[in-house]
Amino acid sequence: MGVPEPLAGRMSMAEQHEYLRARFSRRTMIRGGAVTLGAVAGGVFVPGATARAATPSRRPGGTDTVDGALVAPFGRHLAYGGDPRTEMTVSWQVPVAVKKPFIRIGAHPWDLSHKIDAEPRPLHTPAGVGASGDHTQYYLHARLTRLKPGRTYYYGVGHAGFDPAEPHLAGTLGTFTTAPARSEPFTFTAFGDQGVSYHGLANDALILAQNPAFHLHAGDIAYGDPAGQGKTSDTGFDSRVWDQFLHQTESVAKQVPWMVSYGNHDMEAWYSPNGYGGEQARWQLPDNGPDADNLPGVYTFVHGNTAVISLDANDISFEIPANLGISGGTQTRWLERQLKKYRADRAIDFVVVFFHHCAYCTSTAHASEGGVRDEWVPLFEKYTVDLVINGHNHVYERTDVIKGGEVTRELPIGGTAYPETDGVVYVTAGAAGKSLYAFSAEQSYEGHEKDVESVASFVCVDGGRQSEDVAWSRVRYLDYSFLRVDVTPASRGRLATLEVRGIAETGETVDHFTVARRAR
């Protein structure tokens, strides 16, 4: 995207951002282009000092004269607020600037009298930054609060000239359901590394059929930056890929909260020093993490008896160090506080953690991340985390139960893990849509089990790759897939359970196991 490769390789994300902004600011001033120095210095479209985006000095293409009746919203996607029982954010996109954007919401499709203004967050990418040319994307967000738990709401998004309450626009309405006030059975789904493809679309269709309460996307969301090194020299960057992704995902995300964490392909150097300025324009996630401006993908929420924590592994990645150390250790300290709090809460049975880089994986592409093992695995074990979900490697792989780097309990397909006594189970679910990777050992999955004593692999450490032979790789499946997790609270005489299934794009089950806990 503009910094010579040898120079980019030595720069942090923040340094590359400053280089790129200086270069393109000077270029556009000299040419009299769409971006001015004043706009670069003062155009704030995304909350937070680190999430500033260059803004065009004029509306491109005369969009201030476009009739709003001719502009239809697209790319709707939901996200929980900090309290999923009472808070939801509805986000969407329009192809050009519109006036007075809003959302209508009500308990019935014929009663949408409650109207709330939306927050616009235009995102400008000038010509020369990647392949998209001079391009402005228009994202809109409406935060809804004081909702009622366990209630289904109808909503419609619009703007001046386009009112979803009009009868002829009834087909544009969507629905969502808030989390219940008390624990009850529910389902959630998860994967990583989707991008835009037929396989991504096929997985979305299957996910919708599971009727999940929410969906977890463990990083590498749209692949606007296909190189994924977090460098301004990355080639092929195209911000318009996000338009395609959000349109592809809308069938699910308009009614199921689509909760993302950020991966290496989600760092886009032009928009902000941390690389997440573009993400902050496109997503509104819970802002209850340790530093919502600098680490917008770090947050937590509770649904029923299950606490979910999203982490940003770019902060601790030795393999791709563009943002290595960005939190200064605050993320890890925050993680421990959350884990300690949740384990002291008698209403919470399960803790699920998801993030991008793998703690344990044997794929020949990225394998395991040593930074995760150093920083977070000891905390997962100390506080008996029930399930860790990763992406990064475009495969499905599931471990035995692990503690201290060793197998404490073999977990065959159909088996049960007891994290209170045994350790942690890790699942790599990175085969959501992008091109698949490979394994060094044979595949082994439901109906095709092939046990091996050890698998040759490696872990990414400070300074390079370190070879290792591992005994914890239990299930390996090399085709498109996702996770389904059925959560059942404890009842009299029965354990609380997570029933976890790996489901292929064909609909076949390739893995299933149970995580169980005693009633508290």
Protein backbone atom coordinates (compact mmCIF):
# COMPACT_ATOMS: atom_id res chain seq x y z
CA MET A 1 0.00 0.00 0.00
CA GLY A 2 2.91 2.42 -0.30
CA VAL A 3 5.92 1.69 1.97
CA PRO A 4 8.86 -0.14 0.36
CA GLU A 5 9.00 -3.76 1.56
CA PRO A 6 12.40 -3.58 3.36
CA LEU A 7 11.27 -0.49 5.26
CA ALA A 8 7.81 -1.85 6.07
CA GLY A 9 9.33 -5.00 7.52
CA ARG A 10 11.07 -2.93 10.21
CA MET A 11 8.11 -0.70 11.05
CA SER A 12 5.32 -1.13 13.58
CA MET A 13 1.73 -0.60 12.44
CA ALA A 14 1.75 2.92 13.92
CA GLU A 15 4.98 3.87 12.11
CA GLN A 16 3.63 2.59 8.80
CA HIS A 17 0.43 4.56 9.32
CA GLU A 18 2.37 7.79 9.81
CA TYR A 19 4.54 7.13 6.74
CA LEU A 20 1.54 6.38 4.56
CA ARG A 21 -0.48 9.36 5.71
CA ALA A 22 2.43 11.71 5.17
CA ARG A 23 3.08 10.36 1.68
CA PHE A 24 -0.50 10.53 0.44
CA SER A 25 -1.23 13.83 2.17
CA ARG A 26 1.64 15.50 0.31
CA ARG A 27 0.69 13.84 -2.97
CA THR A 28 -2.94 14.94 -2.85
CA MET A 29 -2.06 18.50 -1.83
CA ILE A 30 0.31 18.84 -4.78
CA ARG A 31 -2.19 17.39 -7.24
CA GLY A 32 -5.17 19.27 -5.79
CA GLY A 33 -6.89 15.96 -5.17
CA ALA A 34 -9.78 15.02 -2.92
CA VAL A 35 -7.84 14.89 0.36
CA THR A 36 -6.50 18.06 1.96
CA LEU A 37 -4.02 18.44 4.79
CA GLY A 38 -6.74 19.93 6.95
CA ALA A 39 -8.96 16.96 6.30
CA VAL A 40 -6.22 14.52 7.27
CA ALA A 41 -5.55 16.39 10.48
CA GLY A 42 -9.12 17.03 11.52
CA GLY A 43 -11.52 14.59 9.87
CA VAL A 44 -12.81 12.38 12.66
CA PHE A 45 -15.46 9.91 11.59
CA VAL A 46 -14.65 7.14 14.04
CA PRO A 47 -14.69 7.59 17.84
CA GLY A 48 -11.27 7.57 19.48
CA ALA A 49 -8.00 9.33 18.89
CA THR A 50 -6.42 6.34 17.17
CA ALA A 51 -9.27 5.81 14.73
CA ARG A 52 -9.09 8.87 12.47
CA ALA A 53 -9.82 8.56 8.79
CA ALA A 54 -9.01 10.95 5.94
CA THR A 55 -12.13 12.67 4.68
CA PRO A 56 -12.81 14.03 1.20
CA SER A 57 -12.88 17.81 0.95
CA ARG A 58 -16.08 17.53 -1.09
CA ARG A 59 -18.72 14.86 -1.49
CA PRO A 60 -17.62 12.62 -4.37
CA GLY A 61 -19.90 12.49 -7.38
CA GLY A 62 -22.29 15.15 -6.11
CA THR A 63 -23.96 12.75 -3.68
CA ASP A 64 -25.59 15.64 -1.82
CA THR A 65 -28.14 15.86 -4.64
CA VAL A 66 -29.05 12.15 -4.83
CA ASP A 67 -32.73 11.42 -4.14
CA GLY A 68 -32.86 9.27 -0.98
CA ALA A 69 -35.73 7.26 -2.46
CA LEU A 70 -33.26 5.82 -4.97
CA VAL A 71 -30.78 4.62 -2.32
CA ALA A 72 -31.37 1.28 -0.56
CA PRO A 73 -29.45 0.23 2.58
CA PHE A 74 -27.50 -3.05 2.52
CA GLY A 75 -25.03 -5.04 4.60
CA ARG A 76 -27.04 -5.03 7.83
CA HIS A 77 -25.21 -6.64 10.73
CA LEU A 78 -25.99 -6.87 14.42
CA ALA A 79 -23.76 -6.83 17.48
CA TYR A 80 -24.55 -7.15 21.16
CA GLY A 81 -23.82 -4.30 23.51
CA GLY A 82 -22.14 -4.94 26.83
CA ASP A 83 -25.40 -6.43 28.17
CA PRO A 84 -26.98 -8.71 25.52
CA ARG A 85 -30.24 -8.76 27.50
CA THR A 86 -30.91 -5.06 26.95
CA GLU A 87 -28.46 -3.72 24.32
CA MET A 88 -28.05 -4.25 20.59
CA THR A 89 -26.35 -2.31 17.80
CA VAL A 90 -27.73 -2.41 14.26
CA SER A 91 -25.18 -1.42 11.59
CA TRP A 92 -25.58 -1.04 7.85
CA GLN A 93 -24.18 0.58 4.74
CA VAL A 94 -25.40 2.82 1.93
CA PRO A 95 -23.66 3.25 -1.45
CA VAL A 96 -23.71 7.08 -1.31
CA ALA A 97 -24.18 9.74 1.35
CA VAL A 98 -27.75 10.10 2.62
CA LYS A 99 -29.55 12.61 4.80
CA LYS A 100 -30.97 11.96 8.26
CA PRO A 101 -30.29 8.19 8.58
CA PHE A 102 -32.35 6.39 11.22
CA ILE A 103 -33.70 3.10 12.49
CA ARG A 104 -37.30 2.22 13.32
CA ILE A 105 -37.99 -0.44 15.93
CA GLY A 106 -41.04 -2.04 17.47
CA ALA A 107 -42.58 -5.22 18.86
CA HIS A 108 -44.60 -5.80 15.67
CA PRO A 109 -43.87 -5.23 11.97
CA TRP A 110 -46.94 -2.97 11.72
CA ASP A 111 -45.85 -0.82 14.68
CA LEU A 112 -42.48 0.82 14.02
CA SER A 113 -43.31 4.19 15.53
CA HIS A 114 -40.11 4.35 17.63
CA LYS A 115 -37.53 6.17 15.51
CA ILE A 116 -33.86 6.63 16.50
CA ASP A 117 -31.20 8.65 14.67
CA ALA A 118 -28.21 6.70 13.35
CA GLU A 119 -24.54 7.65 13.57
CA PRO A 120 -22.79 7.98 10.17
CA ARG A 121 -19.14 6.93 9.89
CA PRO A 122 -17.88 7.64 6.35
CA LEU A 123 -14.58 5.94 5.52
CA HIS A 124 -12.48 7.43 2.73
CA THR A 125 -9.73 5.56 0.87
CA PRO A 126 -7.81 7.78 -1.57
CA ALA A 127 -6.48 6.71 -4.94
CA GLY A 128 -3.12 4.99 -4.59
CA VAL A 129 -3.91 3.24 -1.30
CA GLY A 130 -4.37 -0.24 -2.66
CA ALA A 131 -6.54 -1.08 -5.65
CA SER A 132 -9.82 0.63 -4.84
CA GLY A 133 -9.20 4.10 -6.31
CA ASP A 134 -10.66 7.20 -4.68
CA HIS A 135 -13.48 5.59 -2.74
CA THR A 136 -15.76 6.54 0.16
CA GLN A 137 -17.82 3.99 2.06
CA TYR A 138 -20.77 5.09 4.15
CA TYR A 139 -21.40 3.08 7.33
CA LEU A 140 -24.22 3.75 9.76
CA HIS A 141 -24.82 2.57 13.33
CA ALA A 142 -27.75 2.74 15.73
CA ARG A 143 -27.22 1.72 19.35
CA LEU A 144 -30.32 0.40 21.04
CA THR A 145 -30.57 0.33 24.83
CA ARG A 146 -33.23 -0.37 27.47
CA LEU A 147 -34.54 -3.31 25.49
CA LYS A 148 -36.41 -6.11 27.26
CA PRO A 149 -34.67 -9.48 27.83
CA GLY A 150 -35.75 -12.44 25.72
CA ARG A 151 -37.84 -10.26 23.41
CA THR A 152 -38.00 -10.36 19.60
CA TYR A 153 -37.99 -6.93 17.97
CA TYR A 154 -38.72 -5.84 14.41
CA TYR A 155 -36.63 -3.10 12.87
CA GLY A 156 -36.10 -1.22 9.64
CA VAL A 157 -33.25 1.08 8.61
CA GLY A 158 -33.71 4.13 6.44
CA HIS A 159 -33.00 7.78 5.71
CA ALA A 160 -34.70 10.81 4.21
CA GLY A 161 -36.66 9.51 1.22
CA PHE A 162 -36.48 5.84 2.30
CA ASP A 163 -38.76 4.98 5.22
CA PRO A 164 -39.05 1.26 6.07
CA ALA A 165 -42.43 1.94 7.71
CA GLU A 166 -43.93 2.53 4.27
CA PRO A 167 -45.96 -0.52 3.14
CA HIS A 168 -44.02 -0.99 -0.10
CA LEU A 169 -40.77 -1.33 1.91
CA ALA A 170 -42.06 -3.93 4.38
CA GLY A 171 -39.81 -6.53 2.76
CA THR A 172 -36.74 -4.66 4.03
CA LEU A 173 -37.58 -5.26 7.71
CA GLY A 174 -35.43 -7.43 9.96
CA THR A 175 -35.72 -8.96 13.42
CA PHE A 176 -33.49 -9.72 16.39
CA THR A 177 -33.96 -11.33 19.80
CA THR A 178 -32.28 -10.16 22.98
CA ALA A 179 -30.64 -12.58 25.39
CA PRO A 180 -32.91 -14.06 28.09
CA ALA A 181 -33.02 -12.76 31.65
CA ARG A 182 -32.27 -16.24 33.03
CA SER A 183 -30.24 -19.22 31.92
CA GLU A 184 -31.92 -21.46 29.38
CA PRO A 185 -30.67 -23.73 26.58
CA PHE A 186 -29.33 -21.97 23.49
CA THR A 187 -27.07 -22.51 20.49
CA PHE A 188 -24.21 -20.45 19.11
CA THR A 189 -21.98 -20.94 16.08
CA ALA A 190 -18.38 -19.99 15.31
CA PHE A 191 -15.67 -19.93 12.65
CA GLY A 192 -12.76 -17.83 11.41
CA ASP A 193 -11.25 -16.72 8.10
CA GLN A 194 -14.32 -16.37 5.91
CA GLY A 195 -13.76 -13.71 3.24
CA VAL A 196 -15.90 -13.57 0.12
CA SER A 197 -16.48 -16.83 -1.73
CA TYR A 198 -19.02 -19.47 -2.66
CA HIS A 199 -17.87 -21.51 0.34
CA GLY A 200 -18.37 -18.56 2.67
CA LEU A 201 -21.89 -18.12 1.33
CA ALA A 202 -22.61 -21.84 1.72
CA ASN A 203 -21.43 -21.80 5.34
CA ASP A 204 -23.65 -18.78 6.04
CA ALA A 205 -26.68 -20.67 4.75
CA LEU A 206 -25.90 -23.61 7.03
CA ILE A 207 -25.31 -21.33 10.02
CA LEU A 208 -28.68 -19.68 9.54
CA ALA A 209 -30.29 -23.13 9.65
CA GLN A 210 -28.82 -23.76 13.12
CA ASN A 211 -30.87 -20.84 14.53
CA PRO A 212 -27.99 -19.58 16.69
CA ALA A 213 -28.42 -16.95 19.40
CA PHE A 214 -25.15 -15.36 18.20
CA HIS A 215 -22.19 -16.12 15.94
CA LEU A 216 -18.46 -15.75 16.72
CA HIS A 217 -16.07 -14.81 13.89
CA ALA A 218 -12.50 -15.47 15.09
CA GLY A 219 -10.69 -12.93 12.92
CA ASP A 220 -9.71 -12.46 9.27
CA ILE A 221 -13.15 -11.22 8.38
CA ALA A 222 -13.38 -9.93 4.80
CA TYR A 223 -9.76 -10.00 3.54
CA GLY A 224 -9.74 -6.45 2.21
CA ASP A 225 -5.99 -6.82 2.73
CA PRO A 226 -5.18 -10.23 1.19
CA ALA A 227 -1.50 -10.20 2.22
CA GLY A 228 -2.22 -10.10 5.96
CA GLN A 229 1.20 -9.01 7.18
CA GLY A 230 0.00 -5.71 8.57
CA LYS A 231 2.37 -3.81 6.27
CA THR A 232 1.72 -0.76 4.14
CA SER A 233 3.60 -2.60 1.38
CA ASP A 234 0.89 -5.31 1.31
CA THR A 235 -0.32 -5.60 -2.27
CA GLY A 236 -3.87 -6.02 -3.44
CA PHE A 237 -5.58 -4.07 -0.64
CA ASP A 238 -9.11 -3.21 -1.75
CA SER A 239 -11.55 -1.60 0.68
CA ARG A 240 -14.47 -2.47 -1.64
CA VAL A 241 -14.15 -6.15 -0.66
CA TRP A 242 -15.90 -5.15 2.56
CA ASP A 243 -18.98 -4.13 0.55
CA GLN A 244 -19.10 -7.63 -0.92
CA PHE A 245 -18.54 -9.29 2.45
CA LEU A 246 -21.25 -7.39 4.29
CA HIS A 247 -23.70 -8.07 1.47
CA GLN A 248 -22.79 -11.79 1.57
CA THR A 249 -23.17 -11.99 5.34
CA GLU A 250 -26.39 -10.01 5.62
CA SER A 251 -28.65 -13.05 5.36
CA VAL A 252 -27.40 -14.18 8.78
CA ALA A 253 -26.03 -11.04 10.42
CA LYS A 254 -29.23 -9.00 9.98
CA GLN A 255 -30.87 -11.26 12.60
CA VAL A 256 -28.00 -12.96 14.46
CA PRO A 257 -25.42 -10.85 16.37
CA TRP A 258 -22.17 -11.30 14.41
CA MET A 259 -19.46 -10.92 17.06
CA VAL A 260 -15.96 -10.50 15.61
CA SER A 261 -12.41 -10.56 16.87
CA TYR A 262 -9.59 -9.13 14.76
CA GLY A 263 -6.95 -11.12 12.89
CA ASN A 264 -3.85 -10.23 10.90
CA HIS A 265 -5.84 -9.56 7.70
CA ASP A 266 -7.93 -7.02 9.63
CA MET A 267 -5.03 -4.61 10.20
CA GLU A 268 -5.30 -1.90 7.51
CA ALA A 269 -2.51 0.65 7.93
CA TRP A 270 -4.02 3.63 6.12
CA TYR A 271 -6.86 4.34 8.52
CA SER A 272 -5.24 4.57 11.96
CA PRO A 273 -1.98 3.91 13.84
CA ASN A 274 -3.27 0.61 15.21
CA GLY A 275 -4.66 -0.49 11.82
CA TYR A 276 -8.21 -0.77 13.16
CA GLY A 277 -9.67 2.57 12.05
CA GLY A 278 -11.45 0.87 9.16
CA GLU A 279 -12.89 -1.76 11.51
CA GLN A 280 -14.15 0.91 13.88
CA ALA A 281 -16.03 2.50 11.00
CA ARG A 282 -17.64 -0.82 10.02
CA TRP A 283 -18.37 -2.40 13.41
CA GLN A 284 -19.76 -1.31 16.76
CA LEU A 285 -18.69 -3.88 19.33
CA PRO A 286 -19.10 -3.79 23.12
CA ASP A 287 -16.75 -1.12 24.48
CA ASN A 288 -16.06 -2.82 27.82
CA GLY A 289 -12.49 -3.96 27.05
CA PRO A 290 -9.28 -2.58 28.54
CA ASP A 291 -8.87 0.12 25.83
CA ALA A 292 -11.79 0.43 23.42
CA ASP A 293 -9.96 2.94 21.19
CA ASN A 294 -6.69 1.06 20.84
CA LEU A 295 -8.03 -2.52 21.15
CA PRO A 296 -11.58 -2.32 19.74
CA GLY A 297 -11.75 -6.09 19.22
CA VAL A 298 -11.24 -6.89 22.92
CA TYR A 299 -14.50 -7.16 24.84
CA THR A 300 -16.76 -9.52 26.73
CA PHE A 301 -20.44 -10.37 27.09
CA VAL A 302 -22.60 -12.87 28.97
CA HIS A 303 -25.44 -14.85 27.41
CA GLY A 304 -27.35 -16.91 29.95
CA ASN A 305 -24.90 -19.14 31.81
CA THR A 306 -22.03 -18.54 29.36
CA ALA A 307 -19.42 -15.77 29.38
CA VAL A 308 -17.68 -15.02 26.09
CA ILE A 309 -14.37 -13.17 25.82
CA SER A 310 -12.92 -11.80 22.57
CA LEU A 311 -9.16 -11.16 22.47
CA ASP A 312 -6.76 -9.51 20.02
CA ALA A 313 -3.85 -11.90 19.40
CA ASN A 314 -2.11 -9.41 17.08
CA ASP A 315 -0.95 -7.86 20.38
CA ILE A 316 1.10 -10.95 21.29
CA SER A 317 1.94 -12.51 17.91
CA PHE A 318 5.57 -13.38 17.22
CA GLU A 319 4.68 -14.63 13.74
CA ILE A 320 3.14 -11.37 12.46
CA PRO A 321 4.51 -8.65 14.75
CA ALA A 322 2.99 -5.48 13.20
CA ASN A 323 1.05 -4.81 16.43
CA LEU A 324 3.20 -6.85 18.82
CA GLY A 325 3.07 -5.29 22.29
CA ILE A 326 0.48 -2.65 21.35
CA SER A 327 -1.38 -3.00 24.67
CA GLY A 328 1.72 -2.90 26.86
CA GLY A 329 0.37 -5.88 28.79
CA THR A 330 -2.98 -4.29 29.64
CA GLN A 331 -4.91 -6.86 27.59
CA THR A 332 -3.47 -9.82 29.52
CA ARG A 333 -4.09 -8.12 32.87
CA TRP A 334 -7.68 -7.35 31.81
CA LEU A 335 -8.14 -10.98 30.71
CA GLU A 336 -7.14 -12.27 34.13
CA ARG A 337 -9.53 -9.86 35.86
CA GLN A 338 -12.41 -11.05 33.66
CA LEU A 339 -11.62 -14.72 34.18
CA LYS A 340 -11.38 -14.25 37.94
CA LYS A 341 -14.69 -12.36 37.99
CA TYR A 342 -16.53 -14.95 35.93
CA ARG A 343 -15.26 -17.89 37.97
CA ALA A 344 -16.54 -16.16 41.11
CA ASP A 345 -20.01 -15.67 39.60
CA ARG A 346 -22.28 -18.58 40.52
CA ALA A 347 -24.65 -17.74 37.64
CA ILE A 348 -21.94 -18.48 35.05
CA ASP A 349 -21.12 -22.08 34.24
CA PHE A 350 -19.01 -21.74 31.10
CA VAL A 351 -16.28 -19.41 29.86
CA VAL A 352 -15.60 -19.43 26.11
CA VAL A 353 -12.65 -17.47 24.70
CA PHE A 354 -12.18 -16.75 21.00
CA PHE A 355 -9.43 -15.00 19.06
CA HIS A 356 -7.49 -15.41 15.83
CA HIS A 357 -3.99 -16.92 16.20
CA CYS A 358 -3.91 -20.56 17.32
CA ALA A 359 -2.76 -21.73 20.69
CA TYR A 360 -2.49 -25.32 19.41
CA CYS A 361 -2.63 -26.32 15.74
CA THR A 362 -0.58 -28.49 13.38
CA SER A 363 -1.47 -26.94 10.02
CA THR A 364 1.60 -26.53 7.85
CA ALA A 365 0.80 -22.84 7.20
CA HIS A 366 0.89 -21.11 10.60
CA ALA A 367 0.67 -23.94 13.18
CA SER A 368 0.81 -22.63 16.77
CA GLU A 369 1.52 -19.14 18.13
CA GLY A 370 4.09 -19.04 20.92
CA GLY A 371 2.92 -15.65 22.12
CA VAL A 372 -0.49 -17.10 22.94
CA ARG A 373 1.08 -20.01 24.80
CA ASP A 374 3.32 -17.66 26.79
CA GLU A 375 0.74 -15.01 27.67
CA TRP A 376 -2.72 -16.57 27.80
CA VAL A 377 -2.59 -20.37 28.03
CA PRO A 378 -1.45 -20.27 31.70
CA LEU A 379 -4.50 -18.12 32.48
CA PHE A 380 -6.84 -20.42 30.56
CA GLU A 381 -5.57 -23.29 32.70
CA LYS A 382 -5.57 -21.37 35.98
CA TYR A 383 -9.21 -20.35 35.55
CA THR A 384 -10.32 -23.57 33.81
CA VAL A 385 -11.60 -22.01 30.58
CA ASP A 386 -14.06 -24.43 28.99
CA LEU A 387 -13.46 -23.86 25.27
CA VAL A 388 -10.96 -21.86 23.20
CA ILE A 389 -11.88 -21.13 19.57
CA ASN A 390 -9.30 -19.94 17.02
CA GLY A 391 -9.00 -19.29 13.28
CA HIS A 392 -5.84 -18.30 11.33
CA ASN A 393 -5.18 -21.80 9.98
CA HIS A 394 -7.71 -22.68 7.27
CA VAL A 395 -8.52 -26.13 8.63
CA TYR A 396 -10.61 -27.80 11.29
CA GLU A 397 -8.52 -29.22 14.12
CA ARG A 398 -9.41 -30.15 17.67
CA THR A 399 -7.11 -31.10 20.53
CA ASP A 400 -7.35 -33.57 23.36
CA VAL A 401 -7.64 -31.99 26.81
CA ILE A 402 -4.40 -30.10 27.47
CA LYS A 403 -2.70 -28.74 30.57
CA GLY A 404 0.90 -27.61 30.84
CA GLY A 405 1.46 -28.47 27.19
CA GLU A 406 0.65 -32.13 27.80
CA VAL A 407 -2.40 -34.30 27.17
CA THR A 408 -4.21 -34.83 30.48
CA ARG A 409 -7.17 -36.69 28.98
CA GLU A 410 -7.58 -38.17 25.54
CA LEU A 411 -10.79 -36.84 24.02
CA PRO A 412 -11.99 -39.15 21.27
CA ILE A 413 -14.89 -38.17 19.03
CA GLY A 414 -17.99 -38.39 21.21
CA GLY A 415 -15.96 -38.06 24.43
CA THR A 416 -16.45 -35.73 27.40
CA ALA A 417 -14.02 -33.21 28.88
CA TYR A 418 -14.10 -31.96 32.47
CA PRO A 419 -12.16 -28.68 32.55
CA GLU A 420 -12.43 -28.29 36.34
CA THR A 421 -10.04 -31.20 36.79
CA ASP A 422 -8.50 -32.00 33.42
CA GLY A 423 -7.56 -28.91 31.40
CA VAL A 424 -8.62 -27.03 28.26
CA VAL A 425 -9.89 -28.05 24.80
CA TYR A 426 -8.79 -25.96 21.80
CA VAL A 427 -10.57 -25.87 18.42
CA THR A 428 -9.22 -24.32 15.23
CA ALA A 429 -12.25 -23.50 13.08
CA GLY A 430 -10.57 -21.51 10.31
CA ALA A 431 -12.15 -23.17 7.27
CA ALA A 432 -15.04 -20.73 6.83
CA GLY A 433 -14.44 -19.77 3.21
CA LYS A 434 -10.88 -18.90 2.20
CA SER A 435 -8.58 -21.33 0.39
CA LEU A 436 -7.67 -24.34 2.51
CA TYR A 437 -4.27 -25.17 4.00
CA ALA A 438 -2.75 -28.61 4.71
CA PHE A 439 -1.69 -30.97 7.49
CA SER A 440 1.56 -32.87 7.89
CA ALA A 441 -0.35 -35.91 9.19
CA GLU A 442 -3.33 -37.78 7.79
CA GLN A 443 -6.81 -36.42 8.32
CA SER A 444 -8.81 -37.97 11.16
CA TYR A 445 -12.47 -37.12 11.63
CA GLU A 446 -15.83 -38.72 12.40
CA GLY A 447 -16.20 -41.96 10.47
CA HIS A 448 -12.58 -41.71 9.27
CA GLU A 449 -10.57 -41.85 12.50
CA LYS A 450 -6.85 -42.50 12.14
CA ASP A 451 -5.06 -42.26 15.45
CA VAL A 452 -1.39 -41.31 15.38
CA GLU A 453 1.04 -41.19 18.26
CA SER A 454 2.55 -37.85 17.30
CA VAL A 455 2.36 -35.15 14.63
CA ALA A 456 5.35 -33.15 13.38
CA SER A 457 4.64 -29.44 13.63
CA PHE A 458 6.09 -26.11 14.80
CA VAL A 459 5.36 -23.15 17.05
CA CYS A 460 6.08 -19.52 16.10
CA VAL A 461 8.41 -18.04 18.71
CA ASP A 462 10.44 -14.86 19.05
CA GLY A 463 13.01 -15.22 16.28
CA GLY A 464 11.28 -17.75 14.02
CA ARG A 465 9.79 -21.23 14.03
CA GLN A 466 10.57 -23.93 16.55
CA SER A 467 9.91 -27.54 15.54
CA GLU A 468 7.91 -29.80 17.82
CA ASP A 469 6.34 -33.25 17.79
CA VAL A 470 2.92 -33.16 19.43
CA ALA A 471 0.54 -35.78 20.82
CA TRP A 472 -2.52 -33.54 21.34
CA SER A 473 -3.88 -33.38 17.77
CA ARG A 474 -7.05 -35.48 17.94
CA VAL A 475 -9.27 -34.40 14.98
CA ARG A 476 -8.01 -33.07 11.64
CA TYR A 477 -10.41 -32.23 8.83
CA LEU A 478 -9.42 -30.43 5.64
CA ASP A 479 -12.55 -28.96 4.11
CA TYR A 480 -14.93 -26.06 4.71
CA SER A 481 -16.69 -26.19 8.07
CA PHE A 482 -17.87 -24.35 11.18
CA LEU A 483 -18.68 -24.98 14.85
CA ARG A 484 -22.08 -25.46 16.45
CA VAL A 485 -22.25 -25.32 20.25
CA ASP A 486 -25.41 -26.29 22.15
CA VAL A 487 -25.44 -24.94 25.70
CA THR A 488 -27.54 -26.62 28.38
CA PRO A 489 -27.62 -25.21 31.94
CA ALA A 490 -27.36 -27.56 34.88
CA SER A 491 -30.58 -29.07 36.21
CA ARG A 492 -31.31 -31.30 39.16
CA GLY A 493 -29.00 -34.27 38.99
CA ARG A 494 -27.50 -33.24 35.64
CA LEU A 495 -24.31 -31.45 34.65
CA ALA A 496 -24.20 -28.21 32.68
CA THR A 497 -22.93 -29.06 29.19
CA LEU A 498 -21.50 -27.66 25.99
CA GLU A 499 -22.27 -30.04 23.14
CA VAL A 500 -19.74 -29.07 20.47
CA ARG A 501 -19.97 -30.18 16.84
CA GLY A 502 -17.79 -29.56 13.84
CA ILE A 503 -20.09 -29.37 10.81
CA ALA A 504 -18.87 -29.58 7.21
CA GLU A 505 -20.15 -27.45 4.35
CA THR A 506 -22.01 -30.57 3.21
CA GLY A 507 -23.95 -30.61 6.51
CA GLU A 508 -22.15 -33.73 7.76
CA THR A 509 -20.82 -33.86 11.31
CA VAL A 510 -17.03 -34.29 11.32
CA ASP A 511 -16.48 -34.04 15.09
CA HIS A 512 -18.52 -33.93 18.27
CA PHE A 513 -17.62 -33.84 21.95
CA THR A 514 -18.99 -32.58 25.27
CA VAL A 515 -17.64 -30.19 27.88
CA ALA A 516 -19.32 -30.78 31.25
CA ARG A 517 -19.43 -28.93 34.59
CA ARG A 518 -21.11 -29.60 37.91
CA ALA A 519 -23.98 -27.38 39.03
CA ARG A 520 -22.72 -24.42 41.07
